[in-house]
């Protein structure tokens, strides 16, 4: 789970999606499947300037720029 103060977003992952975005009220905005099936996200780190994330999964590091 990571917080993006610049954009007012919360980023998290679950069993089905490598990345889920929520607004400041906790309402789901969008979900993304970024990894192959069975490759679970372990950690999500937000960039201090906002809009960018580093995701560590079982099999990869992912650099993501969130629209």
N, C-alpha and C. Protein backbone atom coordinates (compact mmCIF):
# COMPACT_ATOMS: atom_id res chain seq x y z
N UNK A 1 0.84 -1.16 0.00
CA UNK A 1 0.00 0.00 0.00
C UNK A 1 0.90 1.24 0.00
N UNK A 2 0.51 2.24 -0.78
CA UNK A 2 1.28 3.48 -0.85
C UNK A 2 0.33 4.67 -0.98
N UNK A 3 0.76 5.80 -0.45
CA UNK A 3 -0.02 7.03 -0.51
C UNK A 3 0.66 8.03 -1.44
N UNK A 4 -0.13 8.66 -2.30
CA UNK A 4 0.36 9.69 -3.21
C UNK A 4 -0.27 11.01 -2.76
N UNK A 5 0.46 11.76 -1.96
CA UNK A 5 -0.06 13.02 -1.42
C UNK A 5 -0.30 14.06 -2.50
N UNK A 6 0.54 14.06 -3.53
CA UNK A 6 0.43 15.04 -4.61
C UNK A 6 -0.89 14.88 -5.38
N UNK A 7 -1.33 13.67 -5.57
CA UNK A 7 -2.55 13.40 -6.33
C UNK A 7 -3.74 13.02 -5.47
N UNK A 8 -3.52 12.85 -4.18
CA UNK A 8 -4.61 12.46 -3.29
C UNK A 8 -5.10 11.05 -3.59
N UNK A 9 -4.18 10.14 -3.86
CA UNK A 9 -4.52 8.76 -4.21
C UNK A 9 -3.90 7.78 -3.24
N UNK A 10 -4.56 6.64 -3.11
CA UNK A 10 -4.04 5.50 -2.37
C UNK A 10 -3.86 4.39 -3.39
N UNK A 11 -2.72 3.71 -3.35
CA UNK A 11 -2.43 2.61 -4.26
C UNK A 11 -2.28 1.34 -3.44
N UNK A 12 -2.92 0.27 -3.89
CA UNK A 12 -2.85 -1.01 -3.19
C UNK A 12 -2.91 -2.13 -4.22
N UNK A 13 -2.70 -3.34 -3.76
CA UNK A 13 -2.82 -4.51 -4.64
C UNK A 13 -3.65 -5.56 -3.92
N UNK A 14 -4.18 -6.48 -4.71
CA UNK A 14 -4.93 -7.60 -4.15
C UNK A 14 -4.63 -8.85 -4.97
N UNK A 15 -5.34 -9.92 -4.69
CA UNK A 15 -5.08 -11.19 -5.38
C UNK A 15 -5.33 -11.12 -6.88
N UNK A 16 -6.25 -10.27 -7.31
CA UNK A 16 -6.65 -10.20 -8.71
C UNK A 16 -5.92 -9.14 -9.52
N UNK A 17 -5.45 -8.08 -8.85
CA UNK A 17 -4.86 -6.94 -9.57
C UNK A 17 -3.54 -6.53 -8.94
N UNK A 18 -2.56 -6.25 -9.79
CA UNK A 18 -1.26 -5.79 -9.30
C UNK A 18 -1.36 -4.39 -8.74
N UNK A 19 -2.34 -3.62 -9.23
CA UNK A 19 -2.46 -2.24 -8.79
C UNK A 19 -3.93 -1.82 -8.78
N UNK A 20 -4.36 -1.26 -7.66
CA UNK A 20 -5.69 -0.66 -7.56
C UNK A 20 -5.50 0.75 -7.05
N UNK A 21 -6.24 1.70 -7.62
CA UNK A 21 -6.16 3.09 -7.18
C UNK A 21 -7.46 3.50 -6.52
N UNK A 22 -7.33 4.30 -5.46
CA UNK A 22 -8.47 4.80 -4.70
C UNK A 22 -8.32 6.30 -4.53
N UNK A 23 -9.45 7.01 -4.47
CA UNK A 23 -9.38 8.45 -4.22
C UNK A 23 -9.23 8.72 -2.72
N UNK A 24 -9.23 9.98 -2.34
CA UNK A 24 -8.99 10.35 -0.94
C UNK A 24 -10.13 9.92 -0.01
N UNK A 25 -11.28 9.56 -0.57
CA UNK A 25 -12.39 9.07 0.24
C UNK A 25 -12.44 7.54 0.31
N UNK A 26 -11.50 6.88 -0.38
CA UNK A 26 -11.45 5.43 -0.37
C UNK A 26 -12.29 4.77 -1.45
N UNK A 27 -12.78 5.55 -2.40
CA UNK A 27 -13.57 5.01 -3.50
C UNK A 27 -12.62 4.49 -4.58
N UNK A 28 -12.84 3.25 -5.03
CA UNK A 28 -12.00 2.65 -6.07
C UNK A 28 -12.13 3.45 -7.36
N UNK A 29 -10.98 3.81 -7.95
CA UNK A 29 -10.95 4.58 -9.18
C UNK A 29 -10.68 3.67 -10.37
N UNK A 30 -9.65 2.84 -10.27
CA UNK A 30 -9.28 1.98 -11.39
C UNK A 30 -8.45 0.82 -10.89
N UNK A 31 -8.48 -0.30 -11.64
CA UNK A 31 -7.67 -1.47 -11.33
C UNK A 31 -6.84 -1.83 -12.55
N UNK A 32 -5.61 -2.30 -12.31
CA UNK A 32 -4.69 -2.67 -13.38
C UNK A 32 -4.13 -4.06 -13.11
N UNK A 33 -4.05 -4.88 -14.15
CA UNK A 33 -3.35 -6.16 -14.07
C UNK A 33 -2.01 -5.97 -14.78
N UNK A 34 -0.93 -5.89 -14.01
CA UNK A 34 0.37 -5.55 -14.58
C UNK A 34 1.34 -6.72 -14.62
N UNK A 35 1.03 -7.78 -13.91
CA UNK A 35 1.94 -8.91 -13.83
C UNK A 35 1.27 -10.16 -14.39
N UNK A 36 2.07 -11.19 -14.63
CA UNK A 36 1.49 -12.44 -15.12
C UNK A 36 0.74 -13.15 -14.00
N UNK A 37 -0.14 -14.04 -14.36
CA UNK A 37 -0.95 -14.75 -13.38
C UNK A 37 -0.07 -15.50 -12.39
N UNK A 38 -0.39 -15.40 -11.12
CA UNK A 38 0.38 -16.07 -10.08
C UNK A 38 1.55 -15.26 -9.56
N UNK A 39 1.88 -14.14 -10.19
CA UNK A 39 2.98 -13.27 -9.77
C UNK A 39 2.40 -12.19 -8.86
N UNK A 40 2.48 -12.40 -7.56
CA UNK A 40 1.82 -11.51 -6.61
C UNK A 40 2.66 -10.29 -6.25
N UNK A 41 2.05 -9.12 -6.22
CA UNK A 41 2.75 -7.92 -5.76
C UNK A 41 3.08 -8.05 -4.27
N UNK A 42 4.28 -7.62 -3.89
CA UNK A 42 4.72 -7.69 -2.50
C UNK A 42 4.80 -6.31 -1.85
N UNK A 43 5.18 -5.30 -2.65
CA UNK A 43 5.35 -3.97 -2.10
C UNK A 43 5.08 -2.92 -3.17
N UNK A 44 4.46 -1.81 -2.76
CA UNK A 44 4.19 -0.69 -3.66
C UNK A 44 4.79 0.56 -3.02
N UNK A 45 5.66 1.25 -3.76
CA UNK A 45 6.30 2.47 -3.28
C UNK A 45 5.93 3.63 -4.18
N UNK A 46 5.45 4.72 -3.60
CA UNK A 46 5.07 5.90 -4.37
C UNK A 46 6.23 6.87 -4.48
N UNK A 47 6.38 7.49 -5.64
CA UNK A 47 7.39 8.53 -5.85
C UNK A 47 6.97 9.79 -5.10
N UNK A 48 7.91 10.50 -4.46
CA UNK A 48 7.55 11.70 -3.69
C UNK A 48 6.88 12.80 -4.51
N UNK A 49 7.15 12.87 -5.81
CA UNK A 49 6.53 13.90 -6.65
C UNK A 49 5.18 13.47 -7.19
N UNK A 50 4.77 12.25 -6.91
CA UNK A 50 3.45 11.77 -7.30
C UNK A 50 3.40 11.20 -8.71
N UNK A 51 2.39 10.37 -8.94
CA UNK A 51 2.11 9.84 -10.26
C UNK A 51 3.00 8.72 -10.74
N UNK A 52 3.96 8.29 -9.93
CA UNK A 52 4.85 7.20 -10.32
C UNK A 52 5.01 6.23 -9.16
N UNK A 53 5.11 4.94 -9.52
CA UNK A 53 5.20 3.90 -8.50
C UNK A 53 6.27 2.88 -8.87
N UNK A 54 6.84 2.29 -7.85
CA UNK A 54 7.71 1.13 -8.01
C UNK A 54 6.99 -0.02 -7.33
N UNK A 55 6.75 -1.10 -8.08
CA UNK A 55 6.05 -2.25 -7.54
C UNK A 55 7.00 -3.44 -7.56
N UNK A 56 7.15 -4.07 -6.42
CA UNK A 56 7.96 -5.28 -6.29
C UNK A 56 6.99 -6.46 -6.24
N UNK A 57 7.14 -7.39 -7.18
CA UNK A 57 6.29 -8.58 -7.18
C UNK A 57 7.18 -9.80 -7.00
N UNK A 58 6.58 -10.98 -7.00
CA UNK A 58 7.35 -12.21 -6.86
C UNK A 58 8.42 -12.36 -7.94
N UNK A 59 8.12 -11.88 -9.16
CA UNK A 59 9.03 -12.13 -10.27
C UNK A 59 9.59 -10.91 -10.97
N UNK A 60 9.27 -9.69 -10.50
CA UNK A 60 9.73 -8.51 -11.25
C UNK A 60 9.66 -7.25 -10.41
N UNK A 61 10.40 -6.24 -10.87
CA UNK A 61 10.24 -4.87 -10.41
C UNK A 61 9.51 -4.14 -11.53
N UNK A 62 8.50 -3.38 -11.20
CA UNK A 62 7.75 -2.63 -12.21
C UNK A 62 7.80 -1.15 -11.89
N UNK A 63 8.12 -0.33 -12.88
CA UNK A 63 8.06 1.12 -12.78
C UNK A 63 6.81 1.54 -13.50
N UNK A 64 5.87 2.18 -12.80
CA UNK A 64 4.58 2.50 -13.36
C UNK A 64 4.34 4.00 -13.28
N UNK A 65 3.94 4.60 -14.39
CA UNK A 65 3.51 6.00 -14.40
C UNK A 65 1.99 5.99 -14.50
N UNK A 66 1.34 6.49 -13.45
CA UNK A 66 -0.11 6.43 -13.36
C UNK A 66 -0.70 7.67 -14.03
N UNK A 67 -1.68 7.45 -14.96
CA UNK A 67 -2.29 8.60 -15.64
C UNK A 67 -3.11 9.46 -14.70
